Amino acid sequence: MTDRVLLGAVAYDAKVIPIWEGIIDHFRGALVEMDVVWFSNYPAQVRALLDGWIDVGWNTNLAYVRVHRATDGRARVLAMRDTDVGFRTLLVGRGELEGANDLRGRTLALGSADSAQAAIMPVHYLGREGLSPGSDVALLRFDTDVGKHGDTGRSEREAVAAVLRGEADAAAVGAASWDVFVRGGDVPPGRLRPFWTSPPYNHCNFTARPTLPAEVATAWSARLFEMEWANPQHRRILQLEGLREWIAPELDGYRDVFDAVIDQGMADAS
């Protein structure tokens, strides 16, 4: 059995380094240990996974869709965070907005084009609401962290700031990002509020290359699932990564993501 899994992760912020160092420590002495290869962007990580340079990628939903399609569905999802299930996008704006249809004839600020939560999924779901983004609703895009699939949150902050400045009527943000902005004081009390919530969809997962031996994948996943909230050392890492427990894949939640990515012509790995 291969005794070490090489996992790819995007270093979108210095804060992610200690998270993965803690997870590496958890795998020391396990049947299958692991190490991390750092990438500056998801397209590079996806290419490395497809070329077999790494064994597993910690992927966004967009990166997962691209790997899945490039491997004809042979790539295997090993695990997810509990918080990756039931992810939602919010539309936030001033008090006169009550629903998605109130955006007709107005301007919506979006985050980076490759951010599922701040661009891809809101455009998709607005279409389901009977609106044509770019036609019925003007779009103001902030493509400030393209390649990182919205992980930095920078483009969402800029979208919200555009609404506060009066340059847009509403902004699309992930529900988790909105909570951070409100708690951090980025949004003055009473200025903006959520007026629409998307259907649920899934976010990140560990995607394994198709050629990773099944016994290696199984052993690696089993060790990951041993991380427990009740263990203070584990809890510190879990909190930093924004979860209470690692869970088995729940793939149904990616159906809308696949539809959105394919419809918007973003499914090809590049």
Protein backbone atom coordinates (compact mmCIF):
# COMPACT_ATOMS: atom_id res chain seq x y z
CA MET A 1 0.00 0.00 0.00
CA THR A 2 1.18 3.55 -0.75
CA ASP A 3 2.17 4.96 2.63
CA ARG A 4 1.70 8.64 1.87
CA VAL A 5 -1.00 10.65 0.13
CA LEU A 6 -0.03 13.94 -1.48
CA LEU A 7 -2.87 16.40 -1.05
CA GLY A 8 -3.20 19.65 -2.97
CA ALA A 9 -4.49 22.78 -1.27
CA VAL A 10 -4.71 26.39 -2.44
CA ALA A 11 -2.84 28.80 -0.17
CA TYR A 12 -5.31 31.65 -0.60
CA ASP A 13 -4.37 33.08 2.82
CA ALA A 14 -1.59 32.54 5.36
CA LYS A 15 -4.19 31.30 7.86
CA VAL A 16 -4.64 28.03 5.94
CA ILE A 17 -1.05 26.91 6.59
CA PRO A 18 -1.51 25.97 10.28
CA ILE A 19 -4.78 24.19 9.44
CA TRP A 20 -3.09 21.74 7.11
CA GLU A 21 -0.04 21.41 9.34
CA GLY A 22 -2.40 20.29 12.09
CA ILE A 23 -4.07 17.76 9.81
CA ILE A 24 -0.67 16.45 8.71
CA ASP A 25 0.19 15.94 12.39
CA HIS A 26 -3.04 13.96 12.83
CA PHE A 27 -1.94 11.57 10.06
CA ARG A 28 1.54 10.92 11.46
CA GLY A 29 1.97 7.24 12.27
CA ALA A 30 -1.25 6.28 10.45
CA LEU A 31 -1.44 3.43 7.96
CA VAL A 32 -1.53 6.10 5.25
CA GLU A 33 0.17 9.38 6.11
CA MET A 34 -0.14 12.58 4.10
CA ASP A 35 1.67 15.69 3.03
CA VAL A 36 0.43 18.89 1.39
CA VAL A 37 1.46 20.48 -1.90
CA TRP A 38 0.59 24.17 -2.06
CA PHE A 39 -0.93 25.87 -5.09
CA SER A 40 -1.60 29.52 -5.79
CA ASN A 41 -4.82 28.84 -7.70
CA TYR A 42 -7.38 26.10 -8.41
CA PRO A 43 -6.76 25.70 -12.16
CA ALA A 44 -3.15 24.70 -11.36
CA GLN A 45 -4.31 22.31 -8.64
CA VAL A 46 -6.92 20.72 -10.93
CA ARG A 47 -4.31 20.20 -13.63
CA ALA A 48 -1.90 18.61 -11.13
CA LEU A 49 -4.62 16.22 -9.97
CA LEU A 50 -5.56 15.26 -13.52
CA ASP A 51 -1.90 14.71 -14.40
CA GLY A 52 -1.35 12.52 -11.34
CA TRP A 53 1.15 14.85 -9.65
CA ILE A 54 -1.01 14.85 -6.52
CA ASP A 55 -3.34 12.18 -5.16
CA VAL A 56 -6.16 14.27 -3.68
CA GLY A 57 -7.29 17.85 -4.13
CA TRP A 58 -9.11 19.93 -1.51
CA ASN A 59 -11.46 21.30 -4.13
CA THR A 60 -14.14 23.91 -4.38
CA ASN A 61 -17.37 22.81 -6.02
CA LEU A 62 -16.29 24.35 -9.33
CA ALA A 63 -12.94 22.53 -9.19
CA TYR A 64 -14.77 19.28 -8.40
CA VAL A 65 -17.11 19.67 -11.39
CA ARG A 66 -14.12 20.24 -13.67
CA VAL A 67 -12.27 17.19 -12.36
CA HIS A 68 -15.40 15.04 -12.55
CA ARG A 69 -16.03 15.95 -16.17
CA ALA A 70 -12.39 15.67 -17.21
CA THR A 71 -12.24 12.12 -15.80
CA ASP A 72 -15.65 11.06 -17.16
CA GLY A 73 -16.90 10.74 -13.61
CA ARG A 74 -14.11 8.41 -12.48
CA ALA A 75 -12.67 10.79 -9.87
CA ARG A 76 -13.78 9.81 -6.37
CA VAL A 77 -14.99 12.13 -3.61
CA LEU A 78 -13.56 10.96 -0.29
CA ALA A 79 -15.01 13.34 2.29
CA MET A 80 -16.51 16.76 2.98
CA ARG A 81 -17.01 19.14 5.88
CA ASP A 82 -20.40 19.07 7.55
CA THR A 83 -20.64 22.76 6.64
CA ASP A 84 -20.19 22.00 2.93
CA VAL A 85 -23.71 20.57 2.81
CA GLY A 86 -26.65 22.93 2.42
CA PHE A 87 -24.53 25.93 1.41
CA ARG A 88 -26.59 28.99 0.39
CA THR A 89 -26.18 32.33 -1.35
CA LEU A 90 -27.91 35.47 -0.08
CA LEU A 91 -28.92 38.58 -1.95
CA VAL A 92 -28.48 41.56 0.33
CA GLY A 93 -29.70 45.09 -0.25
CA ARG A 94 -31.62 48.00 1.14
CA GLY A 95 -35.04 47.76 2.74
CA GLU A 96 -37.17 48.32 -0.37
CA LEU A 97 -36.11 44.99 -1.87
CA GLU A 98 -38.35 42.09 -0.84
CA GLY A 99 -37.60 39.35 -3.36
CA ALA A 100 -35.58 38.38 -6.41
CA ASN A 101 -38.11 39.92 -8.82
CA ASP A 102 -37.52 43.32 -7.24
CA LEU A 103 -34.12 43.27 -8.97
CA ARG A 104 -35.73 43.71 -12.37
CA GLY A 105 -34.33 46.90 -13.87
CA ARG A 106 -31.77 47.22 -11.07
CA THR A 107 -28.06 46.41 -10.61
CA LEU A 108 -26.68 43.34 -8.84
CA ALA A 109 -23.06 43.25 -7.67
CA LEU A 110 -21.35 39.87 -8.07
CA GLY A 111 -18.05 38.52 -6.83
CA SER A 112 -15.39 36.81 -8.91
CA ALA A 113 -16.70 35.00 -11.98
CA ASP A 114 -15.32 31.67 -10.73
CA SER A 115 -16.89 31.96 -7.26
CA ALA A 116 -19.87 29.61 -7.01
CA GLN A 117 -21.41 31.41 -4.06
CA ALA A 118 -20.87 34.97 -5.27
CA ALA A 119 -21.44 34.63 -9.03
CA ILE A 120 -22.15 31.22 -10.58
CA MET A 121 -25.00 30.06 -8.37
CA PRO A 122 -26.81 33.40 -7.99
CA VAL A 123 -26.85 33.81 -11.78
CA HIS A 124 -28.18 30.27 -12.11
CA TYR A 125 -30.91 30.66 -9.52
CA LEU A 126 -32.01 34.07 -10.78
CA GLY A 127 -32.65 32.36 -14.10
CA ARG A 128 -34.94 29.95 -12.26
CA GLU A 129 -36.75 32.96 -10.83
CA GLY A 130 -37.56 34.07 -14.37
CA LEU A 131 -34.92 36.78 -14.61
CA SER A 132 -32.21 37.06 -17.25
CA PRO A 133 -29.03 38.31 -15.53
CA GLY A 134 -27.31 40.83 -17.74
CA SER A 135 -30.60 41.73 -19.41
CA ASP A 136 -33.39 42.02 -16.84
CA VAL A 137 -30.80 42.68 -14.16
CA ALA A 138 -27.61 44.66 -14.78
CA LEU A 139 -24.51 42.94 -13.39
CA LEU A 140 -21.58 44.69 -11.73
CA ARG A 141 -18.75 42.18 -11.39
CA PHE A 142 -15.73 42.29 -9.09
CA ASP A 143 -13.26 39.77 -10.52
CA THR A 144 -10.61 40.50 -7.91
CA ASP A 145 -9.56 36.98 -6.89
CA VAL A 146 -10.10 34.92 -10.04
CA GLY A 147 -8.36 31.57 -9.78
CA LYS A 148 -9.10 31.21 -6.08
CA HIS A 149 -12.83 30.49 -6.63
CA GLY A 150 -13.90 33.12 -4.12
CA ASP A 151 -11.96 31.64 -1.19
CA THR A 152 -10.46 34.97 -0.15
CA GLY A 153 -13.86 36.65 0.26
CA ARG A 154 -12.34 39.80 -1.19
CA SER A 155 -14.69 40.06 -4.15
CA GLU A 156 -17.74 39.56 -1.91
CA ARG A 157 -16.57 42.41 0.31
CA GLU A 158 -16.21 44.61 -2.75
CA ALA A 159 -19.70 43.67 -3.96
CA VAL A 160 -21.20 44.61 -0.59
CA ALA A 161 -19.17 47.84 -0.50
CA ALA A 162 -20.56 48.76 -3.94
CA VAL A 163 -24.10 48.54 -2.53
CA LEU A 164 -23.14 50.67 0.46
CA ARG A 165 -21.71 53.28 -1.94
CA GLY A 166 -24.87 53.26 -4.05
CA GLU A 167 -23.17 51.77 -7.12
CA ALA A 168 -25.41 48.68 -7.03
CA ASP A 169 -28.81 47.87 -5.57
CA ALA A 170 -27.90 44.44 -4.18
CA ALA A 171 -24.98 42.06 -3.78
CA ALA A 172 -24.68 38.26 -3.91
CA VAL A 173 -22.73 36.77 -1.01
CA GLY A 174 -22.38 33.37 0.59
CA ALA A 175 -24.39 33.04 3.79
CA ALA A 176 -21.23 32.22 5.77
CA SER A 177 -19.45 35.27 4.33
CA TRP A 178 -22.38 37.50 5.25
CA ASP A 179 -22.21 36.29 8.85
CA VAL A 180 -18.50 37.16 8.94
CA PHE A 181 -19.12 40.62 7.47
CA VAL A 182 -21.87 41.40 9.97
CA ARG A 183 -19.90 40.13 12.98
CA GLY A 184 -16.80 41.98 11.80
CA GLY A 185 -18.57 45.31 11.40
CA ASP A 186 -18.09 45.52 7.62
CA VAL A 187 -21.80 46.32 7.29
CA PRO A 188 -23.12 49.22 9.39
CA PRO A 189 -26.18 48.17 11.42
CA GLY A 190 -29.45 48.72 9.58
CA ARG A 191 -27.92 49.60 6.22
CA LEU A 192 -28.37 46.28 4.39
CA ARG A 193 -30.29 43.07 4.96
CA PRO A 194 -30.77 39.73 3.18
CA PHE A 195 -33.94 39.72 1.07
CA TRP A 196 -33.52 36.43 -0.84
CA THR A 197 -31.96 33.07 -0.03
CA SER A 198 -30.94 30.52 -2.65
CA PRO A 199 -31.83 26.84 -2.62
CA PRO A 200 -29.15 24.71 -0.93
CA TYR A 201 -26.13 23.38 -2.78
CA ASN A 202 -22.84 21.81 -1.75
CA HIS A 203 -19.44 23.43 -1.51
CA CYS A 204 -15.99 21.84 -1.03
CA ASN A 205 -14.77 18.23 -0.99
CA PHE A 206 -11.69 16.03 -1.12
CA THR A 207 -11.46 14.76 -4.71
CA ALA A 208 -9.15 11.80 -5.41
CA ARG A 209 -7.54 11.00 -8.75
CA PRO A 210 -9.14 7.97 -10.44
CA THR A 211 -5.95 5.91 -10.18
CA LEU A 212 -5.55 6.26 -6.41
CA PRO A 213 -5.83 2.68 -5.07
CA ALA A 214 -9.14 2.08 -3.31
CA GLU A 215 -7.46 0.69 -0.21
CA VAL A 216 -5.32 3.82 0.11
CA ALA A 217 -8.34 6.09 -0.31
CA THR A 218 -10.29 4.10 2.27
CA ALA A 219 -7.47 4.12 4.82
CA TRP A 220 -6.87 7.84 4.35
CA SER A 221 -10.57 8.66 4.76
CA ALA A 222 -10.86 6.49 7.86
CA ARG A 223 -8.00 8.39 9.51
CA LEU A 224 -9.58 11.74 8.60
CA PHE A 225 -12.91 10.70 10.15
CA GLU A 226 -11.10 10.00 13.43
CA MET A 227 -10.78 13.73 14.06
CA GLU A 228 -13.26 14.52 16.84
CA TRP A 229 -14.72 17.74 18.21
CA ALA A 230 -14.35 16.33 21.73
CA ASN A 231 -10.57 16.19 21.31
CA PRO A 232 -9.16 19.68 22.11
CA GLN A 233 -6.29 19.33 19.64
CA HIS A 234 -8.65 18.25 16.87
CA ARG A 235 -11.20 20.91 17.77
CA ARG A 236 -8.68 23.70 17.25
CA ILE A 237 -8.07 22.54 13.67
CA LEU A 238 -11.74 21.87 12.96
CA GLN A 239 -12.69 25.35 14.17
CA LEU A 240 -10.06 26.96 11.98
CA GLU A 241 -11.38 25.06 8.95
CA GLY A 242 -14.99 25.88 9.80
CA LEU A 243 -16.51 22.51 10.66
CA ARG A 244 -17.47 20.24 13.54
CA GLU A 245 -16.88 16.95 11.75
CA TRP A 246 -15.72 15.46 8.47
CA ILE A 247 -18.50 13.53 6.76
CA ALA A 248 -18.92 11.00 3.96
CA PRO A 249 -19.73 12.48 0.53
CA GLU A 250 -23.26 13.70 -0.13
CA LEU A 251 -23.16 14.13 -3.89
CA ASP A 252 -26.80 15.02 -4.57
CA GLY A 253 -26.08 18.55 -3.41
CA TYR A 254 -23.84 19.13 -6.43
CA ARG A 255 -26.59 18.66 -9.03
CA ASP A 256 -27.43 22.36 -9.26
CA VAL A 257 -23.72 23.21 -9.33
CA PHE A 258 -23.17 20.91 -12.31
CA ASP A 259 -26.13 22.48 -14.11
CA ALA A 260 -24.95 26.02 -13.38
CA VAL A 261 -21.32 25.44 -14.36
CA ILE A 262 -22.24 23.66 -17.58
CA ASP A 263 -24.91 26.19 -18.57
CA GLN A 264 -22.47 29.05 -18.05
CA GLY A 265 -19.72 27.39 -20.10
CA MET A 266 -17.30 27.03 -17.20
CA ALA A 267 -17.00 23.25 -16.97
CA ASP A 268 -13.73 22.71 -18.84
CA ALA A 269 -10.51 22.30 -16.88
CA SER A 270 -7.88 24.75 -18.05
